């Protein structure tokens, strides 16, 4: 149970950081988001962290992958010569 709470706390922290970054990157006069290289890097890293925490939360809750993501049985590949005779 403790790990679920920790994962949810981290996920909320990442969300709050993204919201604060958006507010800091928004021009007050136009409402347009202007991103610096450092800001874009931060967004990228936070998005990756969000994805990892969301996956970890799914695992801790005992949920499997969606059917569209689960591995499907592969048929053996047909082998053909590169230069047919």
Protein backbone atom coordinates (compact mmCIF):
# COMPACT_ATOMS: atom_id res chain seq x y z
CA UNK A 1 0.00 0.00 0.00
CA UNK A 2 2.85 2.39 0.81
CA UNK A 3 4.30 2.17 -2.70
CA UNK A 4 0.94 3.06 -4.27
CA UNK A 5 0.74 6.17 -2.11
CA UNK A 6 4.31 7.14 -2.97
CA UNK A 7 3.71 6.67 -6.69
CA UNK A 8 0.54 8.77 -6.52
CA UNK A 9 2.41 11.48 -4.61
CA UNK A 10 5.21 11.54 -7.19
CA UNK A 11 2.69 11.66 -10.03
CA UNK A 12 0.94 14.64 -8.41
CA UNK A 13 4.29 16.37 -7.89
CA UNK A 14 5.16 15.94 -11.57
CA UNK A 15 1.76 17.33 -12.57
CA UNK A 16 2.21 20.36 -10.30
CA UNK A 17 5.70 20.94 -11.74
CA UNK A 18 4.33 20.87 -15.29
CA UNK A 19 1.54 23.31 -14.41
CA UNK A 20 4.04 25.68 -12.77
CA UNK A 21 6.34 25.43 -15.79
CA UNK A 22 3.45 26.25 -18.11
CA UNK A 23 2.48 29.28 -16.03
CA UNK A 24 6.09 30.49 -15.98
CA UNK A 25 6.35 30.08 -19.76
CA UNK A 26 3.10 31.91 -20.59
CA UNK A 27 3.20 35.54 -21.73
CA UNK A 28 0.74 37.50 -19.57
CA UNK A 29 -0.31 39.91 -22.33
CA UNK A 30 -1.09 37.32 -25.02
CA UNK A 31 -1.50 34.06 -23.12
CA UNK A 32 0.89 32.42 -25.58
CA UNK A 33 3.28 29.77 -24.28
CA UNK A 34 6.89 30.58 -25.14
CA UNK A 35 9.32 27.78 -24.41
CA UNK A 36 13.08 28.06 -23.97
CA UNK A 37 15.42 25.17 -24.68
CA UNK A 38 15.80 24.57 -20.94
CA UNK A 39 12.02 24.65 -20.48
CA UNK A 40 11.46 22.22 -23.34
CA UNK A 41 14.06 19.88 -21.86
CA UNK A 42 12.34 20.07 -18.49
CA UNK A 43 8.96 19.29 -20.07
CA UNK A 44 10.49 16.33 -21.89
CA UNK A 45 12.05 14.91 -18.74
CA UNK A 46 8.89 15.45 -16.70
CA UNK A 47 6.81 13.73 -19.41
CA UNK A 48 9.15 10.72 -19.33
CA UNK A 49 8.93 10.63 -15.54
CA UNK A 50 5.12 10.83 -15.73
CA UNK A 51 5.05 7.88 -18.12
CA UNK A 52 7.25 5.78 -15.85
CA UNK A 53 5.25 6.61 -12.73
CA UNK A 54 1.94 5.94 -14.53
CA UNK A 55 3.27 2.53 -15.62
CA UNK A 56 4.52 1.77 -12.12
CA UNK A 57 1.14 2.78 -10.67
CA UNK A 58 -0.60 0.43 -13.12
CA UNK A 59 1.66 -2.42 -12.04
CA UNK A 60 1.16 -1.71 -8.33
CA UNK A 61 -2.61 -1.75 -8.84
CA UNK A 62 -2.33 -5.18 -10.47
CA UNK A 63 -3.62 -4.02 -13.85
CA UNK A 64 -2.29 -5.64 -16.99
CA UNK A 65 -1.43 -4.01 -20.25
CA UNK A 66 -4.31 -3.13 -22.57
CA UNK A 67 -5.08 -5.80 -25.18
CA UNK A 68 -3.79 -3.57 -27.97
CA UNK A 69 -0.34 -3.48 -26.33
CA UNK A 70 -0.05 -7.09 -25.22
CA UNK A 71 2.14 -9.31 -27.32
CA UNK A 72 0.46 -11.29 -30.06
CA UNK A 73 1.50 -14.72 -31.24
CA UNK A 74 3.80 -14.24 -34.16
CA UNK A 75 3.66 -16.46 -37.19
CA UNK A 76 7.04 -17.71 -38.36
CA UNK A 77 8.53 -15.42 -40.95
CA UNK A 78 8.80 -16.85 -44.42
CA UNK A 79 12.37 -17.01 -45.63
CA UNK A 80 12.95 -16.08 -49.22
CA UNK A 81 16.27 -15.91 -51.03
CA UNK A 82 17.58 -12.46 -51.81
CA UNK A 83 18.43 -13.36 -55.40
CA UNK A 84 15.91 -15.87 -56.78
CA UNK A 85 17.35 -18.19 -59.47
